[in-house]
Structures are given as structure tokens and as C-alpha cells.
């Protein structure tokens, strides 16, 4: 199964993209800055959610860790 990371996946175009990828069979992870919104969107979509601000280098490293460690 292919993996997909969608930043801003908790609303708008990111949410729609995550939904489409999930429907197409991708193992989807969404990321966003607001933990409550990410959690709610991930639950609605049935995908994994991570909290990260992609404008911050240290948080990009945190965002990448599960993919590097778990082979997502």
C-alpha cells in the first residue's frame, strides 16, 4: 500500500485530498497545527493525524520521524 502525507489535511483542499487518497486505497496521514482540528478530521476520515507546523524546521523533523522509524 502506498503512503501519503497531506499537510493542512484537517480542512479545505487538504481535507478533500486526504479523503480522495484514502478512498483510492492510500495509507493517509494528515498534519496540521491545531490538535483538536487534526484529531477531528483524522477521526472523520479514518486516517492517522499528526500535529505539526510545517513552517518550523524542528517540527518538520518531528513530522518525518514516524515515516523514518516505522517505514510509513
PDB file of N, CA and C in Angstrom:
ATOM      1  N   UNK A   1       0.848  -1.175   0.000  1.00  0.00           N
ATOM      2  CA  UNK A   1       0.000   0.000   0.000  1.00  0.00           C
ATOM      3  C   UNK A   1       0.895   1.240   0.000  1.00  0.00           C
ATOM      4  N   UNK A   2       0.521   2.219  -0.772  1.00  0.00           N
ATOM      5  CA  UNK A   2       1.271   3.472  -0.851  1.00  0.00           C
ATOM      6  C   UNK A   2       0.883   4.391   0.300  1.00  0.00           C
ATOM      7  N   UNK A   3       1.825   5.185   0.735  1.00  0.00           N
ATOM      8  CA  UNK A   3       1.612   6.134   1.818  1.00  0.00           C
ATOM      9  C   UNK A   3       1.454   7.533   1.272  1.00  0.00           C
ATOM     10  N   UNK A   4       0.675   8.342   1.976  1.00  0.00           N
ATOM     11  CA  UNK A   4       0.508   9.740   1.600  1.00  0.00           C
ATOM     12  C   UNK A   4       0.483  10.593   2.861  1.00  0.00           C
ATOM     13  N   UNK A   5       1.215  11.693   2.827  1.00  0.00           N
ATOM     14  CA  UNK A   5       1.193  12.681   3.898  1.00  0.00           C
ATOM     15  C   UNK A   5       0.572  13.941   3.327  1.00  0.00           C
ATOM     16  N   UNK A   6      -0.506  14.398   3.941  1.00  0.00           N
ATOM     17  CA  UNK A   6      -1.192  15.599   3.475  1.00  0.00           C
ATOM     18  C   UNK A   6      -1.089  16.660   4.556  1.00  0.00           C
ATOM     19  N   UNK A   7      -0.313  17.702   4.286  1.00  0.00           N
ATOM     20  CA  UNK A   7      -0.233  18.800   5.236  1.00  0.00           C
ATOM     21  C   UNK A   7      -1.467  19.681   5.047  1.00  0.00           C
ATOM     22  N   UNK A   8      -1.950  20.231   6.135  1.00  0.00           N
ATOM     23  CA  UNK A   8      -3.194  21.002   6.064  1.00  0.00           C
ATOM     24  C   UNK A   8      -4.386  20.101   5.797  1.00  0.00           C
ATOM     25  N   UNK A   9      -4.267  18.840   6.180  1.00  0.00           N
ATOM     26  CA  UNK A   9      -5.310  17.864   5.883  1.00  0.00           C
ATOM     27  C   UNK A   9      -6.527  17.939   6.771  1.00  0.00           C
ATOM     28  N   UNK A  10      -6.552  18.896   7.683  1.00  0.00           N
ATOM     29  CA  UNK A  10      -7.697  18.996   8.589  1.00  0.00           C
ATOM     30  C   UNK A  10      -8.799  19.908   8.063  1.00  0.00           C
ATOM     31  N   UNK A  11      -8.596  20.542   6.889  1.00  0.00           N
ATOM     32  CA  UNK A  11      -9.665  21.392   6.342  1.00  0.00           C
ATOM     33  C   UNK A  11      -9.430  21.658   4.860  1.00  0.00           C
ATOM     34  N   UNK A  12     -10.448  22.168   4.226  1.00  0.00           N
ATOM     35  CA  UNK A  12     -10.354  22.650   2.853  1.00  0.00           C
ATOM     36  C   UNK A  12      -9.824  21.656   1.848  1.00  0.00           C
ATOM     37  N   UNK A  13      -8.921  22.139   0.984  1.00  0.00           N
ATOM     38  CA  UNK A  13      -8.359  21.320  -0.084  1.00  0.00           C
ATOM     39  C   UNK A  13      -7.578  20.142   0.485  1.00  0.00           C
ATOM     40  N   UNK A  14      -6.847  20.358   1.580  1.00  0.00           N
ATOM     41  CA  UNK A  14      -6.095  19.270   2.202  1.00  0.00           C
ATOM     42  C   UNK A  14      -7.007  18.153   2.672  1.00  0.00           C
ATOM     43  N   UNK A  15      -8.127  18.507   3.289  1.00  0.00           N
ATOM     44  CA  UNK A  15      -9.101  17.515   3.762  1.00  0.00           C
ATOM     45  C   UNK A  15      -9.662  16.731   2.582  1.00  0.00           C
ATOM     46  N   UNK A  16     -10.046  17.451   1.520  1.00  0.00           N
ATOM     47  CA  UNK A  16     -10.601  16.794   0.334  1.00  0.00           C
ATOM     48  C   UNK A  16      -9.565  15.874  -0.316  1.00  0.00           C
ATOM     49  N   UNK A  17      -8.320  16.308  -0.344  1.00  0.00           N
ATOM     50  CA  UNK A  17      -7.252  15.487  -0.908  1.00  0.00           C
ATOM     51  C   UNK A  17      -7.037  14.228  -0.075  1.00  0.00           C
ATOM     52  N   UNK A  18      -7.015  14.390   1.237  1.00  0.00           N
ATOM     53  CA  UNK A  18      -6.849  13.239   2.125  1.00  0.00           C
ATOM     54  C   UNK A  18      -7.997  12.253   1.950  1.00  0.00           C
ATOM     55  N   UNK A  19      -9.200  12.752   1.825  1.00  0.00           N
ATOM     56  CA  UNK A  19     -10.367  11.883   1.619  1.00  0.00           C
ATOM     57  C   UNK A  19     -10.221  11.099   0.317  1.00  0.00           C
ATOM     58  N   UNK A  20      -9.866  11.780  -0.752  1.00  0.00           N
ATOM     59  CA  UNK A  20      -9.719  11.125  -2.052  1.00  0.00           C
ATOM     60  C   UNK A  20      -8.616  10.065  -2.023  1.00  0.00           C
ATOM     61  N   UNK A  21      -7.477  10.412  -1.448  1.00  0.00           N
ATOM     62  CA  UNK A  21      -6.378   9.445  -1.361  1.00  0.00           C
ATOM     63  C   UNK A  21      -6.775   8.225  -0.537  1.00  0.00           C
ATOM     64  N   UNK A  22      -7.481   8.456   0.560  1.00  0.00           N
ATOM     65  CA  UNK A  22      -7.952   7.348   1.391  1.00  0.00           C
ATOM     66  C   UNK A  22      -8.913   6.453   0.607  1.00  0.00           C
ATOM     67  N   UNK A  23      -9.812   7.073  -0.143  1.00  0.00           N
ATOM     68  CA  UNK A  23     -10.757   6.312  -0.960  1.00  0.00           C
ATOM     69  C   UNK A  23     -10.043   5.509  -2.042  1.00  0.00           C
ATOM     70  N   UNK A  24      -8.904   6.004  -2.506  1.00  0.00           N
ATOM     71  CA  UNK A  24      -8.118   5.325  -3.546  1.00  0.00           C
ATOM     72  C   UNK A  24      -7.220   4.232  -2.966  1.00  0.00           C
ATOM     73  N   UNK A  25      -7.241   4.065  -1.630  1.00  0.00           N
ATOM     74  CA  UNK A  25      -6.503   2.985  -1.009  1.00  0.00           C
ATOM     75  C   UNK A  25      -5.161   3.359  -0.408  1.00  0.00           C
ATOM     76  N   UNK A  26      -4.837   4.630  -0.369  1.00  0.00           N
ATOM     77  CA  UNK A  26      -3.584   5.064   0.248  1.00  0.00           C
ATOM     78  C   UNK A  26      -3.674   4.978   1.766  1.00  0.00           C
ATOM     79  N   UNK A  27      -2.541   4.745   2.398  1.00  0.00           N
ATOM     80  CA  UNK A  27      -2.418   4.829   3.847  1.00  0.00           C
ATOM     81  C   UNK A  27      -2.105   6.301   4.134  1.00  0.00           C
ATOM     82  N   UNK A  28      -3.099   7.047   4.601  1.00  0.00           N
ATOM     83  CA  UNK A  28      -3.005   8.505   4.691  1.00  0.00           C
ATOM     84  C   UNK A  28      -2.691   8.973   6.110  1.00  0.00           C
ATOM     85  N   UNK A  29      -1.795   9.948   6.187  1.00  0.00           N
ATOM     86  CA  UNK A  29      -1.523  10.683   7.410  1.00  0.00           C
ATOM     87  C   UNK A  29      -1.776  12.157   7.099  1.00  0.00           C
ATOM     88  N   UNK A  30      -2.569  12.806   7.948  1.00  0.00           N
ATOM     89  CA  UNK A  30      -2.772  14.246   7.781  1.00  0.00           C
ATOM     90  C   UNK A  30      -2.000  14.987   8.866  1.00  0.00           C
ATOM     91  N   UNK A  31      -1.619  16.209   8.554  1.00  0.00           N
ATOM     92  CA  UNK A  31      -0.908  17.038   9.517  1.00  0.00           C
ATOM     93  C   UNK A  31      -1.500  18.437   9.512  1.00  0.00           C
ATOM     94  N   UNK A  32      -1.495  19.048  10.683  1.00  0.00           N
ATOM     95  CA  UNK A  32      -1.974  20.408  10.825  1.00  0.00           C
ATOM     96  C   UNK A  32      -1.480  20.978  12.140  1.00  0.00           C
ATOM     97  N   UNK A  33      -1.745  22.264  12.369  1.00  0.00           N
ATOM     98  CA  UNK A  33      -1.229  22.933  13.561  1.00  0.00           C
ATOM     99  C   UNK A  33      -2.133  22.832  14.773  1.00  0.00           C
ATOM    100  N   UNK A  34      -3.419  22.651  14.571  1.00  0.00           N
ATOM    101  CA  UNK A  34      -4.390  22.649  15.671  1.00  0.00           C
ATOM    102  C   UNK A  34      -4.750  21.208  16.042  1.00  0.00           C
ATOM    103  N   UNK A  35      -4.364  20.787  17.238  1.00  0.00           N
ATOM    104  CA  UNK A  35      -4.537  19.377  17.625  1.00  0.00           C
ATOM    105  C   UNK A  35      -5.998  18.930  17.601  1.00  0.00           C
ATOM    106  N   UNK A  36      -6.913  19.785  18.045  1.00  0.00           N
ATOM    107  CA  UNK A  36      -8.328  19.398  18.058  1.00  0.00           C
ATOM    108  C   UNK A  36      -8.863  19.214  16.644  1.00  0.00           C
ATOM    109  N   UNK A  37      -8.504  20.119  15.738  1.00  0.00           N
ATOM    110  CA  UNK A  37      -8.982  20.027  14.353  1.00  0.00           C
ATOM    111  C   UNK A  37      -8.360  18.830  13.638  1.00  0.00           C
ATOM    112  N   UNK A  38      -7.073  18.589  13.887  1.00  0.00           N
ATOM    113  CA  UNK A  38      -6.409  17.432  13.276  1.00  0.00           C
ATOM    114  C   UNK A  38      -7.056  16.154  13.785  1.00  0.00           C
ATOM    115  N   UNK A  39      -7.283  16.060  15.072  1.00  0.00           N
ATOM    116  CA  UNK A  39      -7.888  14.869  15.657  1.00  0.00           C
ATOM    117  C   UNK A  39      -9.285  14.616  15.093  1.00  0.00           C
ATOM    118  N   UNK A  40     -10.087  15.662  15.016  1.00  0.00           N
ATOM    119  CA  UNK A  40     -11.452  15.515  14.495  1.00  0.00           C
ATOM    120  C   UNK A  40     -11.437  15.095  13.026  1.00  0.00           C
ATOM    121  N   UNK A  41     -10.585  15.714  12.230  1.00  0.00           N
ATOM    122  CA  UNK A  41     -10.518  15.379  10.809  1.00  0.00           C
ATOM    123  C   UNK A  41     -10.012  13.957  10.615  1.00  0.00           C
ATOM    124  N   UNK A  42      -8.989  13.573  11.377  1.00  0.00           N
ATOM    125  CA  UNK A  42      -8.448  12.218  11.258  1.00  0.00           C
ATOM    126  C   UNK A  42      -9.511  11.181  11.606  1.00  0.00           C
ATOM    127  N   UNK A  43     -10.287  11.460  12.640  1.00  0.00           N
ATOM    128  CA  UNK A  43     -11.350  10.539  13.039  1.00  0.00           C
ATOM    129  C   UNK A  43     -12.414  10.439  11.944  1.00  0.00           C
ATOM    130  N   UNK A  44     -12.811  11.572  11.397  1.00  0.00           N
ATOM    131  CA  UNK A  44     -13.813  11.596  10.334  1.00  0.00           C
ATOM    132  C   UNK A  44     -13.346  10.813   9.112  1.00  0.00           C
ATOM    133  N   UNK A  45     -12.084  11.002   8.759  1.00  0.00           N
ATOM    134  CA  UNK A  45     -11.542  10.351   7.571  1.00  0.00           C
ATOM    135  C   UNK A  45     -11.081   8.923   7.812  1.00  0.00           C
ATOM    136  N   UNK A  46     -10.866   8.566   9.077  1.00  0.00           N
ATOM    137  CA  UNK A  46     -10.338   7.246   9.389  1.00  0.00           C
ATOM    138  C   UNK A  46      -8.868   7.105   9.017  1.00  0.00           C
ATOM    139  N   UNK A  47      -8.109   8.191   9.241  1.00  0.00           N
ATOM    140  CA  UNK A  47      -6.683   8.211   8.914  1.00  0.00           C
ATOM    141  C   UNK A  47      -5.874   8.588  10.147  1.00  0.00           C
ATOM    142  N   UNK A  48      -4.567   8.562  10.023  1.00  0.00           N
ATOM    143  CA  UNK A  48      -3.656   8.962  11.101  1.00  0.00           C
ATOM    144  C   UNK A  48      -3.510  10.482  11.073  1.00  0.00           C
ATOM    145  N   UNK A  49      -3.438  11.107  12.235  1.00  0.00           N
ATOM    146  CA  UNK A  49      -3.248  12.552  12.323  1.00  0.00           C
ATOM    147  C   UNK A  49      -2.030  12.907  13.154  1.00  0.00           C
ATOM    148  N   UNK A  50      -1.263  13.878  12.688  1.00  0.00           N
ATOM    149  CA  UNK A  50      -0.095  14.374  13.410  1.00  0.00           C
ATOM    150  C   UNK A  50      -0.184  15.887  13.516  1.00  0.00           C
ATOM    151  N   UNK A  51       0.239  16.411  14.645  1.00  0.00           N
ATOM    152  CA  UNK A  51       0.229  17.865  14.835  1.00  0.00           C
ATOM    153  C   UNK A  51       1.623  18.392  14.536  1.00  0.00           C
ATOM    154  N   UNK A  52       1.703  19.316  13.579  1.00  0.00           N
ATOM    155  CA  UNK A  52       2.979  19.922  13.211  1.00  0.00           C
ATOM    156  C   UNK A  52       2.730  21.195  12.422  1.00  0.00           C
ATOM    157  N   UNK A  53       3.615  22.153  12.607  1.00  0.00           N
ATOM    158  CA  UNK A  53       3.608  23.402  11.841  1.00  0.00           C
ATOM    159  C   UNK A  53       4.738  23.293  10.827  1.00  0.00           C
ATOM    160  N   UNK A  54       4.410  23.083   9.567  1.00  0.00           N
ATOM    161  CA  UNK A  54       5.426  22.831   8.552  1.00  0.00           C
ATOM    162  C   UNK A  54       6.285  24.055   8.237  1.00  0.00           C
ATOM    163  N   UNK A  55       5.961  25.197   8.808  1.00  0.00           N
ATOM    164  CA  UNK A  55       6.809  26.375   8.612  1.00  0.00           C
ATOM    165  C   UNK A  55       7.971  26.389   9.604  1.00  0.00           C
ATOM    166  N   UNK A  56       7.989  25.418  10.522  1.00  0.00           N
ATOM    167  CA  UNK A  56       9.061  25.332  11.534  1.00  0.00           C
ATOM    168  C   UNK A  56       9.925  24.092  11.274  1.00  0.00           C
ATOM    169  N   UNK A  57      11.209  24.311  11.064  1.00  0.00           N
ATOM    170  CA  UNK A  57      12.123  23.220  10.729  1.00  0.00           C
ATOM    171  C   UNK A  57      12.121  22.120  11.782  1.00  0.00           C
ATOM    172  N   UNK A  58      12.127  22.476  13.052  1.00  0.00           N
ATOM    173  CA  UNK A  58      12.135  21.457  14.099  1.00  0.00           C
ATOM    174  C   UNK A  58      10.881  20.594  14.061  1.00  0.00           C
ATOM    175  N   UNK A  59       9.768  21.170  13.684  1.00  0.00           N
ATOM    176  CA  UNK A  59       8.534  20.391  13.608  1.00  0.00           C
ATOM    177  C   UNK A  59       8.489  19.529  12.350  1.00  0.00           C
ATOM    178  N   UNK A  60       9.178  19.934  11.306  1.00  0.00           N
ATOM    179  CA  UNK A  60       9.287  19.080  10.121  1.00  0.00           C
ATOM    180  C   UNK A  60      10.041  17.798  10.455  1.00  0.00           C
ATOM    181  N   UNK A  61      11.065  17.944  11.267  1.00  0.00           N
ATOM    182  CA  UNK A  61      11.818  16.775  11.708  1.00  0.00           C
ATOM    183  C   UNK A  61      10.921  15.843  12.516  1.00  0.00           C
ATOM    184  N   UNK A  62      10.139  16.408  13.422  1.00  0.00           N
ATOM    185  CA  UNK A  62       9.195  15.621  14.215  1.00  0.00           C
ATOM    186  C   UNK A  62       8.168  14.941  13.312  1.00  0.00           C
ATOM    187  N   UNK A  63       7.699  15.640  12.312  1.00  0.00           N
ATOM    188  CA  UNK A  63       6.713  15.103  11.378  1.00  0.00           C
ATOM    189  C   UNK A  63       7.291  13.935  10.584  1.00  0.00           C
ATOM    190  N   UNK A  64       8.553  14.006  10.238  1.00  0.00           N
ATOM    191  CA  UNK A  64       9.188  12.959   9.430  1.00  0.00           C
ATOM    192  C   UNK A  64       9.498  11.694  10.227  1.00  0.00           C
ATOM    193  N   UNK A  65       9.680  11.802  11.548  1.00  0.00           N
ATOM    194  CA  UNK A  65      10.122  10.678  12.369  1.00  0.00           C
ATOM    195  C   UNK A  65       9.297   9.402  12.203  1.00  0.00           C
ATOM    196  N   UNK A  66       7.968   9.453  12.265  1.00  0.00           N
ATOM    197  CA  UNK A  66       7.208   8.200  12.126  1.00  0.00           C
ATOM    198  C   UNK A  66       7.456   7.510  10.779  1.00  0.00           C
ATOM    199  N   UNK A  67       7.687   8.298   9.756  1.00  0.00           N
ATOM    200  CA  UNK A  67       7.914   7.729   8.423  1.00  0.00           C
ATOM    201  C   UNK A  67       9.291   7.084   8.355  1.00  0.00           C
ATOM    202  N   UNK A  68      10.249   7.671   9.028  1.00  0.00           N
ATOM    203  CA  UNK A  68      11.606   7.131   9.038  1.00  0.00           C
ATOM    204  C   UNK A  68      11.711   5.910   9.952  1.00  0.00           C
ATOM    205  N   UNK A  69      11.094   5.979  11.115  1.00  0.00           N
ATOM    206  CA  UNK A  69      11.193   4.902  12.103  1.00  0.00           C
ATOM    207  C   UNK A  69      10.282   3.714  11.801  1.00  0.00           C
ATOM    208  N   UNK A  70       9.078   3.996  11.368  1.00  0.00           N
ATOM    209  CA  UNK A  70       8.095   2.930  11.170  1.00  0.00           C
ATOM    210  C   UNK A  70       7.975   2.515   9.712  1.00  0.00           C
ATOM    211  N   UNK A  71       8.691   3.199   8.855  1.00  0.00           N
ATOM    212  CA  UNK A  71       8.619   2.855   7.426  1.00  0.00           C
ATOM    213  C   UNK A  71       7.272   3.153   6.825  1.00  0.00           C
ATOM    214  N   UNK A  72       6.605   4.178   7.324  1.00  0.00           N
ATOM    215  CA  UNK A  72       5.284   4.527   6.778  1.00  0.00           C
ATOM    216  C   UNK A  72       5.395   5.017   5.352  1.00  0.00           C
TER     217      UNK A  72
END
